[in-house]
């Protein structure tokens, strides 16, 4: 038995060719090694076929959230909404800027709280040039799920001293690279498993109620 899973990777940096998009590409590559891998699901052997989209917010520039938008802006918003709607799970690669997530990430969640992310799993990968990286994890877990109803995995990944790992054009720190590759594979395997499981949950959700927003 084979099931198709579509995942979207969102790189949250505003900068062109950022360290965040470098990590997003590493995630994309790591997922390619999981594509077609068989796994046991309650006694049923499944072959999972993965398709992956990489959304770089440095290039996919959404307008600042407002009540109304120009036609061209609305088309751009809806195009990405359709892409997210088709996704079964997400990876958010988010740098720590001044102890916060970048404005583009907050703006993203303001745009897409209408069900595109709802009841779908997401892995948070925080990126830091130094020894930081914990604050974006806390911020996203505490403030971005209320109306989007995104389901963050209980596992996350923090990539510290990001310039020293996942490089394709320079040397990587061998111990850090080996550890983070193994940990990333573990997290992504969890994401695929949750994506399969929550697909069933979405099929069994109760009918729409008056409570369109979280409390």
C-alpha atoms as a PDB file:
ATOM      1  CA  UNK A   1       0.000   0.000   0.000  1.00  0.00           C
ATOM      2  CA  UNK A   2       1.299   3.443  -0.913  1.00  0.00           C
ATOM      3  CA  UNK A   3       0.251   6.855   0.356  1.00  0.00           C
ATOM      4  CA  UNK A   4       1.235  10.256  -0.984  1.00  0.00           C
ATOM      5  CA  UNK A   5       2.233  12.961   1.485  1.00  0.00           C
ATOM      6  CA  UNK A   6       2.848  16.584   0.543  1.00  0.00           C
ATOM      7  CA  UNK A   7       5.018  18.698   2.848  1.00  0.00           C
ATOM      8  CA  UNK A   8       5.823  22.396   2.666  1.00  0.00           C
ATOM      9  CA  UNK A   9       9.021  23.910   4.058  1.00  0.00           C
ATOM     10  CA  UNK A  10       8.775  27.601   4.978  1.00  0.00           C
ATOM     11  CA  UNK A  11      12.045  29.517   5.275  1.00  0.00           C
ATOM     12  CA  UNK A  12      11.265  32.485   7.510  1.00  0.00           C
ATOM     13  CA  UNK A  13      14.179  34.830   6.836  1.00  0.00           C
ATOM     14  CA  UNK A  14      13.724  38.048   4.831  1.00  0.00           C
ATOM     15  CA  UNK A  15      17.308  37.889   3.583  1.00  0.00           C
ATOM     16  CA  UNK A  16      18.324  36.565   0.181  1.00  0.00           C
ATOM     17  CA  UNK A  17      20.436  33.389   0.315  1.00  0.00           C
ATOM     18  CA  UNK A  18      20.061  33.277   4.084  1.00  0.00           C
ATOM     19  CA  UNK A  19      21.316  30.645   6.481  1.00  0.00           C
ATOM     20  CA  UNK A  20      17.666  29.735   7.029  1.00  0.00           C
ATOM     21  CA  UNK A  21      17.105  28.852   3.377  1.00  0.00           C
ATOM     22  CA  UNK A  22      20.350  26.876   3.483  1.00  0.00           C
ATOM     23  CA  UNK A  23      18.853  24.782   6.273  1.00  0.00           C
ATOM     24  CA  UNK A  24      15.531  24.586   4.418  1.00  0.00           C
ATOM     25  CA  UNK A  25      17.356  23.093   1.430  1.00  0.00           C
ATOM     26  CA  UNK A  26      19.079  20.630   3.747  1.00  0.00           C
ATOM     27  CA  UNK A  27      15.652  19.616   5.051  1.00  0.00           C
ATOM     28  CA  UNK A  28      14.439  19.207   1.479  1.00  0.00           C
ATOM     29  CA  UNK A  29      17.412  16.955   0.734  1.00  0.00           C
ATOM     30  CA  UNK A  30      16.898  14.949   3.913  1.00  0.00           C
ATOM     31  CA  UNK A  31      13.257  14.384   3.016  1.00  0.00           C
ATOM     32  CA  UNK A  32      14.328  13.052  -0.381  1.00  0.00           C
ATOM     33  CA  UNK A  33      16.166  10.253   1.458  1.00  0.00           C
ATOM     34  CA  UNK A  34      12.911   9.319   3.224  1.00  0.00           C
ATOM     35  CA  UNK A  35      10.837   9.278   0.021  1.00  0.00           C
ATOM     36  CA  UNK A  36       9.495   5.821  -0.717  1.00  0.00           C
ATOM     37  CA  UNK A  37      10.566   4.438   2.662  1.00  0.00           C
ATOM     38  CA  UNK A  38       8.235   1.741   3.926  1.00  0.00           C
ATOM     39  CA  UNK A  39       6.905   1.954   7.460  1.00  0.00           C
ATOM     40  CA  UNK A  40       4.616  -0.163   9.572  1.00  0.00           C
ATOM     41  CA  UNK A  41       1.327   1.517  10.456  1.00  0.00           C
ATOM     42  CA  UNK A  42      -0.689  -0.599  12.906  1.00  0.00           C
ATOM     43  CA  UNK A  43       0.320  -3.778  11.144  1.00  0.00           C
ATOM     44  CA  UNK A  44      -0.111  -2.346   7.646  1.00  0.00           C
ATOM     45  CA  UNK A  45       3.029  -1.860   5.587  1.00  0.00           C
ATOM     46  CA  UNK A  46       2.927   1.540   3.930  1.00  0.00           C
ATOM     47  CA  UNK A  47       5.167   2.984   1.259  1.00  0.00           C
ATOM     48  CA  UNK A  48       5.135   6.768   1.647  1.00  0.00           C
ATOM     49  CA  UNK A  49       5.665   8.893  -1.463  1.00  0.00           C
ATOM     50  CA  UNK A  50       6.741  12.401  -0.496  1.00  0.00           C
ATOM     51  CA  UNK A  51       6.448  15.598  -2.488  1.00  0.00           C
ATOM     52  CA  UNK A  52       8.041  18.731  -1.061  1.00  0.00           C
ATOM     53  CA  UNK A  53       7.581  22.464  -1.706  1.00  0.00           C
ATOM     54  CA  UNK A  54      10.091  25.021  -0.447  1.00  0.00           C
ATOM     55  CA  UNK A  55       8.606  28.456   0.257  1.00  0.00           C
ATOM     56  CA  UNK A  56      11.263  31.117   0.810  1.00  0.00           C
ATOM     57  CA  UNK A  57       9.684  34.201   2.395  1.00  0.00           C
ATOM     58  CA  UNK A  58      12.608  36.260   1.101  1.00  0.00           C
ATOM     59  CA  UNK A  59      11.230  35.683  -2.409  1.00  0.00           C
ATOM     60  CA  UNK A  60       7.565  35.007  -1.687  1.00  0.00           C
ATOM     61  CA  UNK A  61       6.869  38.443  -0.275  1.00  0.00           C
ATOM     62  CA  UNK A  62       3.389  38.673   1.163  1.00  0.00           C
ATOM     63  CA  UNK A  63       1.863  42.135   1.618  1.00  0.00           C
ATOM     64  CA  UNK A  64       1.637  43.410   5.163  1.00  0.00           C
ATOM     65  CA  UNK A  65      -1.611  42.063   6.584  1.00  0.00           C
ATOM     66  CA  UNK A  66      -4.541  44.467   6.301  1.00  0.00           C
ATOM     67  CA  UNK A  67      -8.314  44.388   5.952  1.00  0.00           C
ATOM     68  CA  UNK A  68      -8.287  44.809   2.160  1.00  0.00           C
ATOM     69  CA  UNK A  69      -5.709  44.248  -0.588  1.00  0.00           C
ATOM     70  CA  UNK A  70      -5.095  45.227  -4.168  1.00  0.00           C
ATOM     71  CA  UNK A  71      -6.126  42.607  -6.747  1.00  0.00           C
ATOM     72  CA  UNK A  72      -2.543  41.572  -7.492  1.00  0.00           C
ATOM     73  CA  UNK A  73      -1.850  41.189  -3.765  1.00  0.00           C
ATOM     74  CA  UNK A  74      -5.000  39.128  -3.256  1.00  0.00           C
ATOM     75  CA  UNK A  75      -4.013  36.817  -6.102  1.00  0.00           C
ATOM     76  CA  UNK A  76      -0.601  36.252  -4.529  1.00  0.00           C
ATOM     77  CA  UNK A  77      -2.163  35.528  -1.136  1.00  0.00           C
ATOM     78  CA  UNK A  78      -4.655  33.070  -2.623  1.00  0.00           C
ATOM     79  CA  UNK A  79      -2.017  31.294  -4.706  1.00  0.00           C
ATOM     80  CA  UNK A  80       0.004  30.478  -1.606  1.00  0.00           C
ATOM     81  CA  UNK A  81      -3.188  29.637   0.309  1.00  0.00           C
ATOM     82  CA  UNK A  82      -3.977  26.930  -2.250  1.00  0.00           C
ATOM     83  CA  UNK A  83      -0.448  25.547  -1.918  1.00  0.00           C
ATOM     84  CA  UNK A  84      -0.744  25.387   1.872  1.00  0.00           C
ATOM     85  CA  UNK A  85      -4.216  23.874   1.673  1.00  0.00           C
ATOM     86  CA  UNK A  86      -2.822  20.984  -0.355  1.00  0.00           C
ATOM     87  CA  UNK A  87      -0.059  20.298   2.191  1.00  0.00           C
ATOM     88  CA  UNK A  88      -0.275  17.557   4.812  1.00  0.00           C
ATOM     89  CA  UNK A  89       2.458  18.958   7.053  1.00  0.00           C
ATOM     90  CA  UNK A  90       4.953  21.775   7.436  1.00  0.00           C
ATOM     91  CA  UNK A  91       8.515  22.568   8.442  1.00  0.00           C
ATOM     92  CA  UNK A  92       9.163  26.115   9.667  1.00  0.00           C
ATOM     93  CA  UNK A  93      12.816  27.139   9.501  1.00  0.00           C
ATOM     94  CA  UNK A  94      12.981  30.312  11.554  1.00  0.00           C
ATOM     95  CA  UNK A  95      15.984  32.462  12.501  1.00  0.00           C
ATOM     96  CA  UNK A  96      16.235  34.197  15.852  1.00  0.00           C
ATOM     97  CA  UNK A  97      16.366  37.962  15.313  1.00  0.00           C
ATOM     98  CA  UNK A  98      16.629  40.033  18.494  1.00  0.00           C
ATOM     99  CA  UNK A  99      15.103  37.129  20.421  1.00  0.00           C
ATOM    100  CA  UNK A 100      12.087  37.012  18.092  1.00  0.00           C
ATOM    101  CA  UNK A 101      10.870  35.396  14.899  1.00  0.00           C
ATOM    102  CA  UNK A 102      11.131  37.676  11.827  1.00  0.00           C
ATOM    103  CA  UNK A 103       8.201  39.904  10.897  1.00  0.00           C
ATOM    104  CA  UNK A 104       7.538  37.882   7.724  1.00  0.00           C
ATOM    105  CA  UNK A 105       6.734  34.820   9.837  1.00  0.00           C
ATOM    106  CA  UNK A 106       4.252  36.716  12.010  1.00  0.00           C
ATOM    107  CA  UNK A 107       2.720  38.219   8.876  1.00  0.00           C
ATOM    108  CA  UNK A 108       2.437  34.712   7.367  1.00  0.00           C
ATOM    109  CA  UNK A 109       0.314  33.514  10.283  1.00  0.00           C
ATOM    110  CA  UNK A 110      -1.915  36.578  10.121  1.00  0.00           C
ATOM    111  CA  UNK A 111      -2.685  35.749   6.479  1.00  0.00           C
ATOM    112  CA  UNK A 112      -3.210  32.027   6.905  1.00  0.00           C
ATOM    113  CA  UNK A 113      -5.494  31.490   9.864  1.00  0.00           C
ATOM    114  CA  UNK A 114      -8.487  30.423   7.769  1.00  0.00           C
ATOM    115  CA  UNK A 115      -7.968  26.674   7.894  1.00  0.00           C
ATOM    116  CA  UNK A 116      -5.022  26.233   5.524  1.00  0.00           C
ATOM    117  CA  UNK A 117      -2.811  25.000   8.385  1.00  0.00           C
ATOM    118  CA  UNK A 118      -5.515  23.615  10.635  1.00  0.00           C
ATOM    119  CA  UNK A 119      -5.060  20.202  12.252  1.00  0.00           C
ATOM    120  CA  UNK A 120      -1.829  19.624  10.351  1.00  0.00           C
ATOM    121  CA  UNK A 121       1.522  18.833  11.977  1.00  0.00           C
ATOM    122  CA  UNK A 122       4.474  21.201  11.860  1.00  0.00           C
ATOM    123  CA  UNK A 123       8.107  20.879  12.845  1.00  0.00           C
ATOM    124  CA  UNK A 124       9.873  24.011  14.096  1.00  0.00           C
ATOM    125  CA  UNK A 125      13.562  24.373  13.266  1.00  0.00           C
ATOM    126  CA  UNK A 126      15.157  27.422  14.880  1.00  0.00           C
ATOM    127  CA  UNK A 127      18.380  28.868  13.500  1.00  0.00           C
ATOM    128  CA  UNK A 128      20.991  30.875  15.382  1.00  0.00           C
ATOM    129  CA  UNK A 129      24.388  32.255  14.425  1.00  0.00           C
ATOM    130  CA  UNK A 130      25.495  31.817  18.031  1.00  0.00           C
ATOM    131  CA  UNK A 131      24.273  29.852  21.037  1.00  0.00           C
ATOM    132  CA  UNK A 132      20.681  31.143  20.928  1.00  0.00           C
ATOM    133  CA  UNK A 133      17.684  29.807  19.059  1.00  0.00           C
ATOM    134  CA  UNK A 134      15.291  28.931  21.879  1.00  0.00           C
ATOM    135  CA  UNK A 135      13.127  32.056  21.706  1.00  0.00           C
ATOM    136  CA  UNK A 136      11.560  31.368  18.266  1.00  0.00           C
ATOM    137  CA  UNK A 137      10.486  27.946  19.524  1.00  0.00           C
ATOM    138  CA  UNK A 138       8.754  29.488  22.527  1.00  0.00           C
ATOM    139  CA  UNK A 139       7.193  32.295  20.480  1.00  0.00           C
ATOM    140  CA  UNK A 140       5.703  30.055  17.808  1.00  0.00           C
ATOM    141  CA  UNK A 141       4.415  27.520  20.298  1.00  0.00           C
ATOM    142  CA  UNK A 142       2.753  30.213  22.415  1.00  0.00           C
ATOM    143  CA  UNK A 143       1.275  32.646  19.889  1.00  0.00           C
ATOM    144  CA  UNK A 144       0.829  31.209  16.389  1.00  0.00           C
ATOM    145  CA  UNK A 145      -1.541  28.271  16.867  1.00  0.00           C
ATOM    146  CA  UNK A 146      -4.646  29.998  18.281  1.00  0.00           C
ATOM    147  CA  UNK A 147      -6.582  30.656  15.078  1.00  0.00           C
ATOM    148  CA  UNK A 148      -4.428  28.736  12.627  1.00  0.00           C
ATOM    149  CA  UNK A 149      -4.952  25.559  14.706  1.00  0.00           C
ATOM    150  CA  UNK A 150      -1.622  24.263  13.523  1.00  0.00           C
ATOM    151  CA  UNK A 151      -0.362  21.242  15.485  1.00  0.00           C
ATOM    152  CA  UNK A 152       3.294  21.593  16.403  1.00  0.00           C
ATOM    153  CA  UNK A 153       5.197  18.385  17.009  1.00  0.00           C
ATOM    154  CA  UNK A 154       6.370  17.826  20.588  1.00  0.00           C
ATOM    155  CA  UNK A 155       9.845  17.581  19.045  1.00  0.00           C
ATOM    156  CA  UNK A 156      11.763  20.537  17.597  1.00  0.00           C
ATOM    157  CA  UNK A 157      15.268  21.268  16.370  1.00  0.00           C
ATOM    158  CA  UNK A 158      17.628  24.144  17.213  1.00  0.00           C
ATOM    159  CA  UNK A 159      20.601  24.656  14.913  1.00  0.00           C
ATOM    160  CA  UNK A 160      23.196  26.756  16.715  1.00  0.00           C
ATOM    161  CA  UNK A 161      26.344  28.179  15.097  1.00  0.00           C
ATOM    162  CA  UNK A 162      24.592  27.599  11.806  1.00  0.00           C
ATOM    163  CA  UNK A 163      27.548  28.760   9.684  1.00  0.00           C
ATOM    164  CA  UNK A 164      29.466  25.659  10.785  1.00  0.00           C
ATOM    165  CA  UNK A 165      26.977  23.023   9.577  1.00  0.00           C
ATOM    166  CA  UNK A 166      25.020  21.978   6.460  1.00  0.00           C
ATOM    167  CA  UNK A 167      27.408  23.787   4.128  1.00  0.00           C
ATOM    168  CA  UNK A 168      27.874  22.523   0.583  1.00  0.00           C
ATOM    169  CA  UNK A 169      30.712  24.882  -0.340  1.00  0.00           C
ATOM    170  CA  UNK A 170      32.828  24.774   2.850  1.00  0.00           C
ATOM    171  CA  UNK A 171      33.765  22.434   5.657  1.00  0.00           C
ATOM    172  CA  UNK A 172      31.314  21.468   8.366  1.00  0.00           C
ATOM    173  CA  UNK A 173      32.035  20.817  12.013  1.00  0.00           C
ATOM    174  CA  UNK A 174      32.099  17.004  11.909  1.00  0.00           C
ATOM    175  CA  UNK A 175      30.563  16.210  15.305  1.00  0.00           C
ATOM    176  CA  UNK A 176      27.824  18.850  15.054  1.00  0.00           C
ATOM    177  CA  UNK A 177      27.021  17.903  11.468  1.00  0.00           C
ATOM    178  CA  UNK A 178      26.693  14.206  12.282  1.00  0.00           C
ATOM    179  CA  UNK A 179      24.541  14.843  15.348  1.00  0.00           C
ATOM    180  CA  UNK A 180      22.225  17.335  13.636  1.00  0.00           C
ATOM    181  CA  UNK A 181      21.765  15.137  10.559  1.00  0.00           C
ATOM    182  CA  UNK A 182      20.674  12.242  12.757  1.00  0.00           C
ATOM    183  CA  UNK A 183      18.405  14.442  14.835  1.00  0.00           C
ATOM    184  CA  UNK A 184      16.879  16.046  11.732  1.00  0.00           C
ATOM    185  CA  UNK A 185      16.138  12.617  10.268  1.00  0.00           C
ATOM    186  CA  UNK A 186      14.437  11.643  13.538  1.00  0.00           C
ATOM    187  CA  UNK A 187      12.298  14.808  13.519  1.00  0.00           C
ATOM    188  CA  UNK A 188      11.328  14.408   9.864  1.00  0.00           C
ATOM    189  CA  UNK A 189      10.337  10.790  10.369  1.00  0.00           C
ATOM    190  CA  UNK A 190       8.062  11.987  13.175  1.00  0.00           C
ATOM    191  CA  UNK A 191       6.601  14.634  10.879  1.00  0.00           C
ATOM    192  CA  UNK A 192       5.769  12.056   8.206  1.00  0.00           C
ATOM    193  CA  UNK A 193       4.134   9.787  10.789  1.00  0.00           C
ATOM    194  CA  UNK A 194       2.072  12.654  12.215  1.00  0.00           C
ATOM    195  CA  UNK A 195       1.106  13.744   8.694  1.00  0.00           C
ATOM    196  CA  UNK A 196      -0.319  10.301   8.012  1.00  0.00           C
ATOM    197  CA  UNK A 197      -2.123  10.172  11.349  1.00  0.00           C
ATOM    198  CA  UNK A 198      -3.623  13.678  11.312  1.00  0.00           C
ATOM    199  CA  UNK A 199      -4.969  13.172   7.813  1.00  0.00           C
ATOM    200  CA  UNK A 200      -7.368  10.697   9.434  1.00  0.00           C
ATOM    201  CA  UNK A 201      -8.179  13.189  12.194  1.00  0.00           C
ATOM    202  CA  UNK A 202      -9.142  15.858   9.640  1.00  0.00           C
ATOM    203  CA  UNK A 203     -11.543  13.416   8.009  1.00  0.00           C
ATOM    204  CA  UNK A 204     -13.326  12.898  11.337  1.00  0.00           C
ATOM    205  CA  UNK A 205     -13.552  16.493  12.584  1.00  0.00           C
ATOM    206  CA  UNK A 206     -16.893  17.669  14.009  1.00  0.00           C
ATOM    207  CA  UNK A 207     -19.088  19.890  11.889  1.00  0.00           C
ATOM    208  CA  UNK A 208     -18.287  23.599  11.751  1.00  0.00           C
ATOM    209  CA  UNK A 209     -19.478  25.466  14.810  1.00  0.00           C
ATOM    210  CA  UNK A 210     -19.822  29.099  15.837  1.00  0.00           C
ATOM    211  CA  UNK A 211     -16.293  29.013  17.283  1.00  0.00           C
ATOM    212  CA  UNK A 212     -14.241  29.951  14.255  1.00  0.00           C
ATOM    213  CA  UNK A 213     -11.435  31.379  16.415  1.00  0.00           C
ATOM    214  CA  UNK A 214      -9.539  29.803  19.265  1.00  0.00           C
ATOM    215  CA  UNK A 215     -10.045  31.086  22.793  1.00  0.00           C
END
